[in-house]
Amino acid sequence: MNSNIFFVASSMIILANRLTEALLVPLFNTINASLERRNYPKLPGLILMYASWLLTSSLVALTGINFFAAIIPSPVAGLILTAIVCGGGANLVADVLKREQANA
C-alpha cells in the first residue's frame, strides 16, 4: 500500500510539473513579454506558483486522490493538503530540472 501511495504521489507531481511547463509557463512568459513591451511591470514569479497550485488542485479534485485519508478524517482537508503537496512537489521538480540544465 505505501509503495502504491508513493507511485501515485510521484505520478501526480510529475503530471503537475509537465502540465505547468507546457501550459502555464508559456502563457506566463507571453503575458510578461506583452507587459514589458508596454512598459508595465512584469508579473512576479509567485503568480506562476499559485497558478501551478490551482492547476494541481483541479487535478486532485477531479481524481479525488487523498494521500491523507488514513490520518485525517476530513476528506476536504485531505484533498487540500494533497493539492499543496503535489503543487509544491511540482515546483521542486521544476527547480531541480532548471538547476541541472544550468549546470550542463
N, C-alpha and C. Protein backbone atom coordinates (compact mmCIF):
# COMPACT_ATOMS: atom_id res chain seq x y z
N MET A 1 0.82 -1.20 0.00
CA MET A 1 0.00 0.00 0.00
C MET A 1 0.86 1.26 0.00
N ASN A 2 1.93 1.33 0.82
CA ASN A 2 2.76 2.51 0.88
C ASN A 2 3.47 2.78 -0.44
N SER A 3 3.92 1.71 -1.13
CA SER A 3 4.57 1.91 -2.42
C SER A 3 3.56 2.40 -3.45
N ASN A 4 2.30 1.98 -3.33
CA ASN A 4 1.27 2.45 -4.23
C ASN A 4 1.02 3.95 -4.03
N ILE A 5 0.96 4.40 -2.79
CA ILE A 5 0.78 5.82 -2.50
C ILE A 5 1.96 6.62 -3.01
N PHE A 6 3.17 6.10 -2.84
CA PHE A 6 4.35 6.79 -3.34
C PHE A 6 4.30 6.91 -4.86
N PHE A 7 3.89 5.84 -5.55
CA PHE A 7 3.79 5.87 -7.00
C PHE A 7 2.76 6.88 -7.47
N VAL A 8 1.60 6.91 -6.83
CA VAL A 8 0.55 7.85 -7.21
C VAL A 8 1.00 9.29 -6.94
N ALA A 9 1.64 9.50 -5.79
CA ALA A 9 2.13 10.84 -5.46
C ALA A 9 3.17 11.31 -6.47
N SER A 10 4.10 10.44 -6.78
CA SER A 10 5.14 10.78 -7.76
C SER A 10 4.53 11.07 -9.12
N SER A 11 3.57 10.27 -9.51
CA SER A 11 2.91 10.48 -10.80
C SER A 11 2.17 11.80 -10.85
N MET A 12 1.47 12.14 -9.78
CA MET A 12 0.74 13.42 -9.73
C MET A 12 1.71 14.59 -9.76
N ILE A 13 2.82 14.49 -9.05
CA ILE A 13 3.81 15.57 -9.03
C ILE A 13 4.40 15.76 -10.42
N ILE A 14 4.75 14.67 -11.09
CA ILE A 14 5.33 14.77 -12.43
C ILE A 14 4.29 15.31 -13.42
N LEU A 15 3.05 14.84 -13.33
CA LEU A 15 1.99 15.32 -14.20
C LEU A 15 1.76 16.82 -13.99
N ALA A 16 1.71 17.25 -12.75
CA ALA A 16 1.52 18.67 -12.45
C ALA A 16 2.68 19.49 -13.00
N ASN A 17 3.90 18.99 -12.87
CA ASN A 17 5.07 19.69 -13.39
C ASN A 17 5.01 19.81 -14.90
N ARG A 18 4.71 18.72 -15.59
CA ARG A 18 4.66 18.74 -17.05
C ARG A 18 3.55 19.65 -17.57
N LEU A 19 2.37 19.61 -16.94
CA LEU A 19 1.28 20.49 -17.35
C LEU A 19 1.61 21.96 -17.10
N THR A 20 2.27 22.23 -15.98
CA THR A 20 2.69 23.61 -15.69
C THR A 20 3.67 24.10 -16.73
N GLU A 21 4.67 23.26 -17.05
CA GLU A 21 5.68 23.66 -18.04
C GLU A 21 5.08 23.81 -19.43
N ALA A 22 4.10 22.98 -19.78
CA ALA A 22 3.53 23.01 -21.12
C ALA A 22 2.45 24.07 -21.29
N LEU A 23 1.67 24.33 -20.24
CA LEU A 23 0.54 25.24 -20.36
C LEU A 23 0.75 26.59 -19.70
N LEU A 24 1.21 26.58 -18.47
CA LEU A 24 1.26 27.82 -17.70
C LEU A 24 2.50 28.67 -17.97
N VAL A 25 3.66 28.04 -18.09
CA VAL A 25 4.89 28.80 -18.29
C VAL A 25 4.87 29.60 -19.59
N PRO A 26 4.48 28.99 -20.74
CA PRO A 26 4.43 29.80 -21.96
C PRO A 26 3.43 30.97 -21.86
N LEU A 27 2.29 30.72 -21.24
CA LEU A 27 1.31 31.79 -21.05
C LEU A 27 1.88 32.89 -20.16
N PHE A 28 2.53 32.51 -19.08
CA PHE A 28 3.14 33.46 -18.16
C PHE A 28 4.21 34.29 -18.87
N ASN A 29 5.05 33.64 -19.67
CA ASN A 29 6.11 34.34 -20.40
C ASN A 29 5.54 35.29 -21.45
N THR A 30 4.47 34.87 -22.12
CA THR A 30 3.83 35.73 -23.12
C THR A 30 3.22 36.96 -22.48
N ILE A 31 2.56 36.77 -21.35
CA ILE A 31 1.97 37.91 -20.63
C ILE A 31 3.07 38.87 -20.18
N ASN A 32 4.16 38.34 -19.63
CA ASN A 32 5.26 39.19 -19.17
C ASN A 32 5.91 39.94 -20.34
N ALA A 33 6.07 39.28 -21.48
CA ALA A 33 6.65 39.96 -22.65
C ALA A 33 5.73 41.08 -23.13
N SER A 34 4.43 40.83 -23.12
CA SER A 34 3.47 41.85 -23.52
C SER A 34 3.49 43.03 -22.55
N LEU A 35 3.55 42.75 -21.27
CA LEU A 35 3.62 43.82 -20.27
C LEU A 35 4.90 44.63 -20.42
N GLU A 36 5.99 43.95 -20.68
CA GLU A 36 7.28 44.63 -20.83
C GLU A 36 7.28 45.55 -22.06
N ARG A 37 6.69 45.09 -23.17
CA ARG A 37 6.60 45.93 -24.38
C ARG A 37 5.81 47.20 -24.12
N ARG A 38 4.85 47.12 -23.22
CA ARG A 38 4.01 48.29 -22.90
C ARG A 38 4.55 49.08 -21.72
N ASN A 39 5.75 48.74 -21.27
CA ASN A 39 6.41 49.41 -20.15
C ASN A 39 5.66 49.28 -18.83
N TYR A 40 4.97 48.15 -18.66
CA TYR A 40 4.34 47.83 -17.39
C TYR A 40 5.27 46.89 -16.63
N PRO A 41 5.14 46.85 -15.31
CA PRO A 41 5.99 45.91 -14.56
C PRO A 41 5.58 44.46 -14.84
N LYS A 42 6.55 43.56 -14.79
CA LYS A 42 6.30 42.14 -15.02
C LYS A 42 5.53 41.55 -13.84
N LEU A 43 4.85 40.45 -14.12
CA LEU A 43 4.20 39.69 -13.05
C LEU A 43 5.26 38.96 -12.24
N PRO A 44 5.11 38.93 -10.93
CA PRO A 44 6.09 38.19 -10.12
C PRO A 44 5.94 36.69 -10.33
N GLY A 45 7.04 35.95 -10.16
CA GLY A 45 7.04 34.51 -10.32
C GLY A 45 6.11 33.79 -9.36
N LEU A 46 5.77 34.46 -8.26
CA LEU A 46 4.86 33.88 -7.27
C LEU A 46 3.50 33.56 -7.90
N ILE A 47 3.09 34.35 -8.87
CA ILE A 47 1.81 34.12 -9.54
C ILE A 47 1.84 32.79 -10.28
N LEU A 48 2.97 32.46 -10.88
CA LEU A 48 3.10 31.18 -11.57
C LEU A 48 2.98 30.02 -10.59
N MET A 49 3.56 30.18 -9.40
CA MET A 49 3.46 29.14 -8.38
C MET A 49 2.01 28.94 -7.96
N TYR A 50 1.27 30.03 -7.76
CA TYR A 50 -0.14 29.91 -7.38
C TYR A 50 -0.96 29.29 -8.50
N ALA A 51 -0.65 29.65 -9.74
CA ALA A 51 -1.36 29.06 -10.88
C ALA A 51 -1.09 27.55 -10.95
N SER A 52 0.15 27.16 -10.65
CA SER A 52 0.50 25.75 -10.62
C SER A 52 -0.28 25.02 -9.54
N TRP A 53 -0.40 25.63 -8.38
CA TRP A 53 -1.18 25.01 -7.31
C TRP A 53 -2.66 24.93 -7.68
N LEU A 54 -3.16 25.93 -8.37
CA LEU A 54 -4.55 25.90 -8.81
C LEU A 54 -4.77 24.77 -9.82
N LEU A 55 -3.84 24.61 -10.74
CA LEU A 55 -3.91 23.51 -11.70
C LEU A 55 -3.86 22.16 -10.99
N THR A 56 -2.94 22.04 -10.05
CA THR A 56 -2.82 20.79 -9.29
C THR A 56 -4.07 20.54 -8.45
N SER A 57 -4.63 21.58 -7.88
CA SER A 57 -5.87 21.43 -7.10
C SER A 57 -6.99 20.92 -7.97
N SER A 58 -7.04 21.38 -9.20
CA SER A 58 -8.07 20.89 -10.14
C SER A 58 -7.87 19.41 -10.41
N LEU A 59 -6.62 19.00 -10.63
CA LEU A 59 -6.34 17.58 -10.86
C LEU A 59 -6.73 16.73 -9.66
N VAL A 60 -6.40 17.21 -8.48
CA VAL A 60 -6.73 16.47 -7.25
C VAL A 60 -8.25 16.39 -7.08
N ALA A 61 -8.94 17.49 -7.34
CA ALA A 61 -10.40 17.49 -7.21
C ALA A 61 -11.06 16.55 -8.22
N LEU A 62 -10.54 16.55 -9.45
CA LEU A 62 -11.11 15.68 -10.48
C LEU A 62 -10.86 14.20 -10.20
N THR A 63 -9.68 13.89 -9.68
CA THR A 63 -9.34 12.49 -9.43
C THR A 63 -9.79 12.01 -8.05
N GLY A 64 -9.93 12.93 -7.10
CA GLY A 64 -10.32 12.56 -5.75
C GLY A 64 -9.22 11.88 -4.96
N ILE A 65 -7.97 12.07 -5.39
CA ILE A 65 -6.85 11.44 -4.70
C ILE A 65 -6.62 12.16 -3.37
N ASN A 66 -6.58 11.38 -2.30
CA ASN A 66 -6.38 11.91 -0.95
C ASN A 66 -5.28 11.09 -0.28
N PHE A 67 -4.07 11.66 -0.23
CA PHE A 67 -2.94 10.96 0.37
C PHE A 67 -3.07 10.87 1.89
N PHE A 68 -3.92 11.69 2.48
CA PHE A 68 -4.00 11.78 3.93
C PHE A 68 -5.27 11.14 4.49
N ALA A 69 -5.95 10.32 3.71
CA ALA A 69 -7.21 9.72 4.14
C ALA A 69 -7.05 8.87 5.40
N ALA A 70 -5.90 8.23 5.55
CA ALA A 70 -5.69 7.35 6.70
C ALA A 70 -5.46 8.11 8.00
N ILE A 71 -5.01 9.37 7.90
CA ILE A 71 -4.66 10.10 9.14
C ILE A 71 -5.52 11.33 9.38
N ILE A 72 -6.21 11.83 8.35
CA ILE A 72 -7.07 13.00 8.52
C ILE A 72 -8.50 12.60 8.15
N PRO A 73 -9.43 12.68 9.10
CA PRO A 73 -10.78 12.21 8.84
C PRO A 73 -11.57 13.07 7.85
N SER A 74 -11.23 14.34 7.73
CA SER A 74 -11.97 15.24 6.83
C SER A 74 -11.49 15.07 5.39
N PRO A 75 -12.37 14.65 4.48
CA PRO A 75 -11.95 14.47 3.09
C PRO A 75 -11.52 15.78 2.43
N VAL A 76 -12.19 16.88 2.77
CA VAL A 76 -11.84 18.17 2.16
C VAL A 76 -10.44 18.60 2.60
N ALA A 77 -10.13 18.46 3.87
CA ALA A 77 -8.79 18.82 4.37
C ALA A 77 -7.73 17.93 3.72
N GLY A 78 -8.05 16.65 3.55
CA GLY A 78 -7.11 15.74 2.90
C GLY A 78 -6.84 16.12 1.46
N LEU A 79 -7.90 16.51 0.73
CA LEU A 79 -7.73 16.94 -0.65
C LEU A 79 -6.92 18.22 -0.75
N ILE A 80 -7.16 19.16 0.15
CA ILE A 80 -6.41 20.42 0.15
C ILE A 80 -4.93 20.15 0.43
N LEU A 81 -4.65 19.33 1.41
CA LEU A 81 -3.25 19.00 1.72
C LEU A 81 -2.59 18.24 0.58
N THR A 82 -3.33 17.36 -0.07
CA THR A 82 -2.79 16.63 -1.22
C THR A 82 -2.44 17.59 -2.34
N ALA A 83 -3.30 18.57 -2.60
CA ALA A 83 -3.02 19.57 -3.64
C ALA A 83 -1.78 20.39 -3.29
N ILE A 84 -1.62 20.75 -2.01
CA ILE A 84 -0.45 21.52 -1.59
C ILE A 84 0.82 20.70 -1.78
N VAL A 85 0.78 19.44 -1.40
CA VAL A 85 1.96 18.57 -1.55
C VAL A 85 2.31 18.37 -3.02
N CYS A 86 1.32 18.09 -3.84
CA CYS A 86 1.59 17.85 -5.27
C CYS A 86 2.04 19.12 -5.98
N GLY A 87 1.41 20.24 -5.66
CA GLY A 87 1.81 21.51 -6.27
C GLY A 87 3.21 21.93 -5.85
N GLY A 88 3.52 21.76 -4.58
CA GLY A 88 4.86 22.07 -4.09
C GLY A 88 5.90 21.13 -4.67
N GLY A 89 5.54 19.87 -4.83
CA GLY A 89 6.45 18.91 -5.43
C GLY A 89 6.73 19.23 -6.88
N ALA A 90 5.71 19.72 -7.58
CA ALA A 90 5.91 20.11 -8.98
C ALA A 90 6.88 21.28 -9.07
N ASN A 91 6.76 22.22 -8.16
CA ASN A 91 7.70 23.35 -8.15
C ASN A 91 9.12 22.88 -7.82
N LEU A 92 9.22 21.92 -6.93
CA LEU A 92 10.53 21.37 -6.57
C LEU A 92 11.16 20.66 -7.77
N VAL A 93 10.37 19.87 -8.48
CA VAL A 93 10.88 19.19 -9.68
C VAL A 93 11.35 20.21 -10.71
N ALA A 94 10.59 21.27 -10.92
CA ALA A 94 10.97 22.31 -11.88
C ALA A 94 12.28 22.97 -11.48
N ASP A 95 12.45 23.26 -10.19
CA ASP A 95 13.68 23.88 -9.71
C ASP A 95 14.89 22.97 -9.92
N VAL A 96 14.72 21.69 -9.64
CA VAL A 96 15.82 20.73 -9.81
C VAL A 96 16.19 20.60 -11.28
N LEU A 97 15.16 20.53 -12.16
CA LEU A 97 15.44 20.41 -13.59
C LEU A 97 16.15 21.65 -14.14
N LYS A 98 15.74 22.83 -13.68
CA LYS A 98 16.39 24.07 -14.13
C LYS A 98 17.84 24.12 -13.65
N ARG A 99 18.09 23.67 -12.44
CA ARG A 99 19.45 23.67 -11.90
C ARG A 99 20.33 22.70 -12.69
N GLU A 100 19.78 21.55 -13.04
CA GLU A 100 20.54 20.57 -13.83
C GLU A 100 20.85 21.09 -15.21
N GLN A 101 19.89 21.80 -15.84
CA GLN A 101 20.13 22.37 -17.15
C GLN A 101 21.16 23.47 -17.10
N ALA A 102 21.18 24.24 -16.04
CA ALA A 102 22.16 25.32 -15.90
C ALA A 102 23.57 24.76 -15.70
N ASN A 103 23.69 23.61 -15.04
CA ASN A 103 24.99 23.01 -14.80
C ASN A 103 25.52 22.25 -16.02
N ALA A 104 24.66 21.93 -16.96
CA ALA A 104 25.08 21.15 -18.15
C ALA A 104 25.81 22.00 -19.18
